[in-house]
Amino acid sequence: MRTTINIDANLVSELVRVTGEKDRGKAVNTALAEFLRRRRLEELRSLRGNIEIEDNLDELEQLELDKMRRQP
C-alpha cells in the first residue's frame, strides 16, 4: 500500500542503518513489524498469572494412541 506520511529524515536514516535494509520502505516495514511484535509480546506477558492452562499433553497422546490401536 502506498501512503504519504511525514517522518523525520534523521529517524529514517537511523532506521535504515539499524535495520540494515537498503530501502527506506523496507526499513519502515521492518520497524513496524518489530514494533507490533513487541506490543503483542507485552500483551501476552500481561496475561501471565491470569490464565490457567492445563497441561494434558500426556493424556492427549494416550487418547491418540488408543484411537490408533482401535482402527483396523
PDB file of N, CA and C in Angstrom:
ATOM      1  N   MET A   1       0.848  -1.172   0.000  1.00  0.00           N
ATOM      2  CA  MET A   1       0.000   0.000   0.000  1.00  0.00           C
ATOM      3  C   MET A   1       0.892   1.233   0.000  1.00  0.00           C
ATOM      4  N   ARG A   2       0.602   2.127  -0.838  1.00  0.00           N
ATOM      5  CA  ARG A   2       1.356   3.379  -0.890  1.00  0.00           C
ATOM      6  C   ARG A   2       0.624   4.412  -0.051  1.00  0.00           C
ATOM      7  N   THR A   3       1.408   5.174   0.707  1.00  0.00           N
ATOM      8  CA  THR A   3       0.829   6.237   1.512  1.00  0.00           C
ATOM      9  C   THR A   3       1.873   7.325   1.680  1.00  0.00           C
ATOM     10  N   THR A   4       1.419   8.521   1.911  1.00  0.00           N
ATOM     11  CA  THR A   4       2.330   9.633   2.124  1.00  0.00           C
ATOM     12  C   THR A   4       2.234  10.060   3.581  1.00  0.00           C
ATOM     13  N   ILE A   5       3.388  10.037   4.254  1.00  0.00           N
ATOM     14  CA  ILE A   5       3.445  10.478   5.648  1.00  0.00           C
ATOM     15  C   ILE A   5       4.720  11.284   5.848  1.00  0.00           C
ATOM     16  N   ASN A   6       4.705  12.140   6.838  1.00  0.00           N
ATOM     17  CA  ASN A   6       5.886  12.930   7.168  1.00  0.00           C
ATOM     18  C   ASN A   6       6.630  12.240   8.302  1.00  0.00           C
ATOM     19  N   ILE A   7       7.859  11.837   8.017  1.00  0.00           N
ATOM     20  CA  ILE A   7       8.701  11.171   9.006  1.00  0.00           C
ATOM     21  C   ILE A   7      10.011  11.942   9.085  1.00  0.00           C
ATOM     22  N   ASP A   8      10.492  12.151  10.277  1.00  0.00           N
ATOM     23  CA  ASP A   8      11.756  12.840  10.493  1.00  0.00           C
ATOM     24  C   ASP A   8      12.862  12.136   9.700  1.00  0.00           C
ATOM     25  N   ALA A   9      13.551  12.879   8.856  1.00  0.00           N
ATOM     26  CA  ALA A   9      14.590  12.311   7.993  1.00  0.00           C
ATOM     27  C   ALA A   9      15.713  11.665   8.800  1.00  0.00           C
ATOM     28  N   ASN A  10      16.049  12.241   9.947  1.00  0.00           N
ATOM     29  CA  ASN A  10      17.101  11.658  10.782  1.00  0.00           C
ATOM     30  C   ASN A  10      16.676  10.298  11.335  1.00  0.00           C
ATOM     31  N   LEU A  11      15.393  10.187  11.696  1.00  0.00           N
ATOM     32  CA  LEU A  11      14.890   8.908  12.189  1.00  0.00           C
ATOM     33  C   LEU A  11      14.934   7.848  11.100  1.00  0.00           C
ATOM     34  N   VAL A  12      14.555   8.230   9.898  1.00  0.00           N
ATOM     35  CA  VAL A  12      14.566   7.276   8.792  1.00  0.00           C
ATOM     36  C   VAL A  12      16.004   6.844   8.494  1.00  0.00           C
ATOM     37  N   SER A  13      16.922   7.778   8.492  1.00  0.00           N
ATOM     38  CA  SER A  13      18.324   7.435   8.238  1.00  0.00           C
ATOM     39  C   SER A  13      18.847   6.475   9.290  1.00  0.00           C
ATOM     40  N   GLU A  14      18.547   6.752  10.543  1.00  0.00           N
ATOM     41  CA  GLU A  14      18.984   5.852  11.613  1.00  0.00           C
ATOM     42  C   GLU A  14      18.302   4.498  11.500  1.00  0.00           C
ATOM     43  N   LEU A  15      17.038   4.508  11.136  1.00  0.00           N
ATOM     44  CA  LEU A  15      16.290   3.263  10.968  1.00  0.00           C
ATOM     45  C   LEU A  15      16.899   2.392   9.879  1.00  0.00           C
ATOM     46  N   VAL A  16      17.251   3.000   8.769  1.00  0.00           N
ATOM     47  CA  VAL A  16      17.892   2.262   7.679  1.00  0.00           C
ATOM     48  C   VAL A  16      19.211   1.679   8.166  1.00  0.00           C
ATOM     49  N   ARG A  17      19.975   2.457   8.921  1.00  0.00           N
ATOM     50  CA  ARG A  17      21.260   1.986   9.432  1.00  0.00           C
ATOM     51  C   ARG A  17      21.065   0.832  10.406  1.00  0.00           C
ATOM     52  N   VAL A  18      20.119   0.977  11.330  1.00  0.00           N
ATOM     53  CA  VAL A  18      19.908  -0.029  12.374  1.00  0.00           C
ATOM     54  C   VAL A  18      19.340  -1.329  11.813  1.00  0.00           C
ATOM     55  N   THR A  19      18.400  -1.224  10.890  1.00  0.00           N
ATOM     56  CA  THR A  19      17.779  -2.430  10.341  1.00  0.00           C
ATOM     57  C   THR A  19      18.668  -3.118   9.316  1.00  0.00           C
ATOM     58  N   GLY A  20      19.580  -2.363   8.707  1.00  0.00           N
ATOM     59  CA  GLY A  20      20.432  -2.942   7.680  1.00  0.00           C
ATOM     60  C   GLY A  20      19.745  -3.057   6.332  1.00  0.00           C
ATOM     61  N   GLU A  21      18.537  -2.568   6.249  1.00  0.00           N
ATOM     62  CA  GLU A  21      17.810  -2.592   4.973  1.00  0.00           C
ATOM     63  C   GLU A  21      18.389  -1.532   4.037  1.00  0.00           C
ATOM     64  N   LYS A  22      18.359  -1.802   2.756  1.00  0.00           N
ATOM     65  CA  LYS A  22      18.879  -0.852   1.767  1.00  0.00           C
ATOM     66  C   LYS A  22      17.800   0.145   1.344  1.00  0.00           C
ATOM     67  N   ASP A  23      16.565  -0.277   1.455  1.00  0.00           N
ATOM     68  CA  ASP A  23      15.427   0.517   1.001  1.00  0.00           C
ATOM     69  C   ASP A  23      14.710   1.119   2.211  1.00  0.00           C
ATOM     70  N   ARG A  24      14.366   2.402   2.139  1.00  0.00           N
ATOM     71  CA  ARG A  24      13.678   3.058   3.268  1.00  0.00           C
ATOM     72  C   ARG A  24      12.330   2.407   3.561  1.00  0.00           C
ATOM     73  N   GLY A  25      11.602   2.039   2.508  1.00  0.00           N
ATOM     74  CA  GLY A  25      10.301   1.403   2.701  1.00  0.00           C
ATOM     75  C   GLY A  25      10.427   0.089   3.444  1.00  0.00           C
ATOM     76  N   LYS A  26      11.433  -0.715   3.071  1.00  0.00           N
ATOM     77  CA  LYS A  26      11.660  -1.992   3.759  1.00  0.00           C
ATOM     78  C   LYS A  26      12.068  -1.752   5.205  1.00  0.00           C
ATOM     79  N   ALA A  27      12.876  -0.725   5.433  1.00  0.00           N
ATOM     80  CA  ALA A  27      13.301  -0.400   6.796  1.00  0.00           C
ATOM     81  C   ALA A  27      12.094  -0.022   7.657  1.00  0.00           C
ATOM     82  N   VAL A  28      11.200   0.774   7.098  1.00  0.00           N
ATOM     83  CA  VAL A  28       9.999   1.174   7.842  1.00  0.00           C
ATOM     84  C   VAL A  28       9.114  -0.037   8.102  1.00  0.00           C
ATOM     85  N   ASN A  29       8.937  -0.903   7.110  1.00  0.00           N
ATOM     86  CA  ASN A  29       8.129  -2.110   7.303  1.00  0.00           C
ATOM     87  C   ASN A  29       8.740  -3.020   8.364  1.00  0.00           C
ATOM     88  N   THR A  30      10.060  -3.159   8.343  1.00  0.00           N
ATOM     89  CA  THR A  30      10.745  -3.969   9.345  1.00  0.00           C
ATOM     90  C   THR A  30      10.513  -3.394  10.743  1.00  0.00           C
ATOM     91  N   ALA A  31      10.642  -2.080  10.861  1.00  0.00           N
ATOM     92  CA  ALA A  31      10.452  -1.425  12.158  1.00  0.00           C
ATOM     93  C   ALA A  31       9.002  -1.562  12.636  1.00  0.00           C
ATOM     94  N   LEU A  32       8.052  -1.405  11.739  1.00  0.00           N
ATOM     95  CA  LEU A  32       6.650  -1.548  12.119  1.00  0.00           C
ATOM     96  C   LEU A  32       6.344  -2.970  12.584  1.00  0.00           C
ATOM     97  N   ALA A  33       6.869  -3.942  11.848  1.00  0.00           N
ATOM     98  CA  ALA A  33       6.644  -5.343  12.220  1.00  0.00           C
ATOM     99  C   ALA A  33       7.248  -5.632  13.592  1.00  0.00           C
ATOM    100  N   GLU A  34       8.444  -5.125  13.840  1.00  0.00           N
ATOM    101  CA  GLU A  34       9.099  -5.335  15.133  1.00  0.00           C
ATOM    102  C   GLU A  34       8.331  -4.648  16.255  1.00  0.00           C
ATOM    103  N   PHE A  35       7.854  -3.446  16.008  1.00  0.00           N
ATOM    104  CA  PHE A  35       7.063  -2.716  16.996  1.00  0.00           C
ATOM    105  C   PHE A  35       5.817  -3.518  17.369  1.00  0.00           C
ATOM    106  N   LEU A  36       5.106  -4.014  16.357  1.00  0.00           N
ATOM    107  CA  LEU A  36       3.889  -4.788  16.610  1.00  0.00           C
ATOM    108  C   LEU A  36       4.193  -6.096  17.334  1.00  0.00           C
ATOM    109  N   ARG A  37       5.295  -6.752  16.955  1.00  0.00           N
ATOM    110  CA  ARG A  37       5.694  -7.996  17.628  1.00  0.00           C
ATOM    111  C   ARG A  37       5.948  -7.747  19.114  1.00  0.00           C
ATOM    112  N   ARG A  38       6.640  -6.658  19.415  1.00  0.00           N
ATOM    113  CA  ARG A  38       6.925  -6.345  20.823  1.00  0.00           C
ATOM    114  C   ARG A  38       5.650  -6.017  21.600  1.00  0.00           C
ATOM    115  N   ARG A  39       4.737  -5.300  20.968  1.00  0.00           N
ATOM    116  CA  ARG A  39       3.468  -4.986  21.639  1.00  0.00           C
ATOM    117  C   ARG A  39       2.675  -6.256  21.924  1.00  0.00           C
ATOM    118  N   ARG A  40       2.655  -7.178  20.971  1.00  0.00           N
ATOM    119  CA  ARG A  40       1.938  -8.439  21.184  1.00  0.00           C
ATOM    120  C   ARG A  40       2.575  -9.223  22.323  1.00  0.00           C
ATOM    121  N   LEU A  41       3.904  -9.230  22.385  1.00  0.00           N
ATOM    122  CA  LEU A  41       4.594  -9.907  23.485  1.00  0.00           C
ATOM    123  C   LEU A  41       4.247  -9.273  24.830  1.00  0.00           C
ATOM    124  N   GLU A  42       4.183  -7.945  24.869  1.00  0.00           N
ATOM    125  CA  GLU A  42       3.792  -7.250  26.096  1.00  0.00           C
ATOM    126  C   GLU A  42       2.379  -7.649  26.522  1.00  0.00           C
ATOM    127  N   GLU A  43       1.482  -7.744  25.543  1.00  0.00           N
ATOM    128  CA  GLU A  43       0.111  -8.155  25.848  1.00  0.00           C
ATOM    129  C   GLU A  43       0.084  -9.564  26.416  1.00  0.00           C
ATOM    130  N   LEU A  44       0.857 -10.463  25.813  1.00  0.00           N
ATOM    131  CA  LEU A  44       0.916 -11.835  26.317  1.00  0.00           C
ATOM    132  C   LEU A  44       1.502 -11.872  27.728  1.00  0.00           C
ATOM    133  N   ARG A  45       2.559 -11.100  27.949  1.00  0.00           N
ATOM    134  CA  ARG A  45       3.182 -11.068  29.282  1.00  0.00           C
ATOM    135  C   ARG A  45       2.210 -10.523  30.330  1.00  0.00           C
ATOM    136  N   SER A  46       1.369  -9.588  29.933  1.00  0.00           N
ATOM    137  CA  SER A  46       0.418  -9.016  30.888  1.00  0.00           C
ATOM    138  C   SER A  46      -0.629 -10.046  31.317  1.00  0.00           C
ATOM    139  N   LEU A  47      -0.793 -11.098  30.532  1.00  0.00           N
ATOM    140  CA  LEU A  47      -1.748 -12.155  30.870  1.00  0.00           C
ATOM    141  C   LEU A  47      -1.162 -13.173  31.842  1.00  0.00           C
ATOM    142  N   ARG A  48       0.162 -13.102  32.068  1.00  0.00           N
ATOM    143  CA  ARG A  48       0.823 -14.059  32.953  1.00  0.00           C
ATOM    144  C   ARG A  48       0.126 -14.061  34.320  1.00  0.00           C
ATOM    145  N   GLY A  49      -0.254 -15.244  34.730  1.00  0.00           N
ATOM    146  CA  GLY A  49      -0.923 -15.390  36.013  1.00  0.00           C
ATOM    147  C   GLY A  49      -2.429 -15.206  35.951  1.00  0.00           C
ATOM    148  N   ASN A  50      -2.944 -14.780  34.807  1.00  0.00           N
ATOM    149  CA  ASN A  50      -4.383 -14.559  34.663  1.00  0.00           C
ATOM    150  C   ASN A  50      -5.084 -15.692  33.945  1.00  0.00           C
ATOM    151  N   ILE A  51      -4.316 -16.516  33.276  1.00  0.00           N
ATOM    152  CA  ILE A  51      -4.884 -17.615  32.518  1.00  0.00           C
ATOM    153  C   ILE A  51      -4.346 -18.917  33.076  1.00  0.00           C
ATOM    154  N   GLU A  52      -5.249 -19.848  33.323  1.00  0.00           N
ATOM    155  CA  GLU A  52      -4.832 -21.154  33.814  1.00  0.00           C
ATOM    156  C   GLU A  52      -4.818 -22.125  32.644  1.00  0.00           C
ATOM    157  N   ILE A  53      -3.656 -22.687  32.389  1.00  0.00           N
ATOM    158  CA  ILE A  53      -3.507 -23.638  31.289  1.00  0.00           C
ATOM    159  C   ILE A  53      -3.246 -25.001  31.891  1.00  0.00           C
ATOM    160  N   GLU A  54      -4.072 -25.949  31.485  1.00  0.00           N
ATOM    161  CA  GLU A  54      -3.932 -27.312  31.989  1.00  0.00           C
ATOM    162  C   GLU A  54      -3.038 -28.089  31.029  1.00  0.00           C
ATOM    163  N   ASP A  55      -1.976 -28.647  31.558  1.00  0.00           N
ATOM    164  CA  ASP A  55      -1.058 -29.439  30.745  1.00  0.00           C
ATOM    165  C   ASP A  55      -1.579 -30.867  30.684  1.00  0.00           C
ATOM    166  N   ASN A  56      -2.225 -31.195  29.576  1.00  0.00           N
ATOM    167  CA  ASN A  56      -2.771 -32.539  29.413  1.00  0.00           C
ATOM    168  C   ASN A  56      -2.200 -33.224  28.174  1.00  0.00           C
ATOM    169  N   LEU A  57      -0.971 -32.888  27.836  1.00  0.00           N
ATOM    170  CA  LEU A  57      -0.336 -33.453  26.655  1.00  0.00           C
ATOM    171  C   LEU A  57      -0.245 -34.976  26.754  1.00  0.00           C
ATOM    172  N   ASP A  58       0.150 -35.485  27.907  1.00  0.00           N
ATOM    173  CA  ASP A  58       0.265 -36.938  28.068  1.00  0.00           C
ATOM    174  C   ASP A  58      -1.081 -37.628  27.854  1.00  0.00           C
ATOM    175  N   GLU A  59      -2.128 -37.035  28.398  1.00  0.00           N
ATOM    176  CA  GLU A  59      -3.469 -37.599  28.242  1.00  0.00           C
ATOM    177  C   GLU A  59      -3.905 -37.587  26.775  1.00  0.00           C
ATOM    178  N   LEU A  60      -3.632 -36.488  26.081  1.00  0.00           N
ATOM    179  CA  LEU A  60      -3.998 -36.396  24.670  1.00  0.00           C
ATOM    180  C   LEU A  60      -3.216 -37.403  23.829  1.00  0.00           C
ATOM    181  N   GLU A  61      -1.938 -37.559  24.123  1.00  0.00           N
ATOM    182  CA  GLU A  61      -1.146 -38.542  23.391  1.00  0.00           C
ATOM    183  C   GLU A  61      -1.677 -39.955  23.620  1.00  0.00           C
ATOM    184  N   GLN A  62      -2.049 -40.259  24.847  1.00  0.00           N
ATOM    185  CA  GLN A  62      -2.583 -41.579  25.156  1.00  0.00           C
ATOM    186  C   GLN A  62      -3.895 -41.819  24.424  1.00  0.00           C
ATOM    187  N   LEU A  63      -4.768 -40.821  24.384  1.00  0.00           N
ATOM    188  CA  LEU A  63      -6.032 -40.944  23.654  1.00  0.00           C
ATOM    189  C   LEU A  63      -5.777 -41.194  22.169  1.00  0.00           C
ATOM    190  N   GLU A  64      -4.801 -40.496  21.602  1.00  0.00           N
ATOM    191  CA  GLU A  64      -4.471 -40.682  20.196  1.00  0.00           C
ATOM    192  C   GLU A  64      -3.947 -42.089  19.941  1.00  0.00           C
ATOM    193  N   LEU A  65      -3.088 -42.575  20.828  1.00  0.00           N
ATOM    194  CA  LEU A  65      -2.560 -43.939  20.686  1.00  0.00           C
ATOM    195  C   LEU A  65      -3.680 -44.969  20.783  1.00  0.00           C
ATOM    196  N   ASP A  66      -4.574 -44.780  21.745  1.00  0.00           N
ATOM    197  CA  ASP A  66      -5.710 -45.699  21.904  1.00  0.00           C
ATOM    198  C   ASP A  66      -6.587 -45.698  20.645  1.00  0.00           C
ATOM    199  N   LYS A  67      -6.814 -44.535  20.094  1.00  0.00           N
ATOM    200  CA  LYS A  67      -7.629 -44.407  18.887  1.00  0.00           C
ATOM    201  C   LYS A  67      -6.970 -45.140  17.712  1.00  0.00           C
ATOM    202  N   MET A  68      -5.656 -45.013  17.598  1.00  0.00           N
ATOM    203  CA  MET A  68      -4.935 -45.674  16.505  1.00  0.00           C
ATOM    204  C   MET A  68      -4.968 -47.186  16.667  1.00  0.00           C
ATOM    205  N   ARG A  69      -4.911 -47.677  17.876  1.00  0.00           N
ATOM    206  CA  ARG A  69      -4.924 -49.107  18.124  1.00  0.00           C
ATOM    207  C   ARG A  69      -6.286 -49.720  17.798  1.00  0.00           C
ATOM    208  N   ARG A  70      -7.356 -48.961  17.963  1.00  0.00           N
ATOM    209  CA  ARG A  70      -8.705 -49.463  17.713  1.00  0.00           C
ATOM    210  C   ARG A  70      -9.032 -49.532  16.229  1.00  0.00           C
ATOM    211  N   GLN A  71      -8.330 -48.754  15.415  1.00  0.00           N
ATOM    212  CA  GLN A  71      -8.629 -48.744  13.987  1.00  0.00           C
ATOM    213  C   GLN A  71      -8.065 -50.001  13.329  1.00  0.00           C
ATOM    214  N   PRO A  72      -8.874 -50.618  12.412  1.00  0.00           N
ATOM    215  CA  PRO A  72      -8.420 -51.849  11.735  1.00  0.00           C
ATOM    216  C   PRO A  72      -7.314 -51.590  10.730  1.00  0.00           C
TER     217      PRO A  72
END
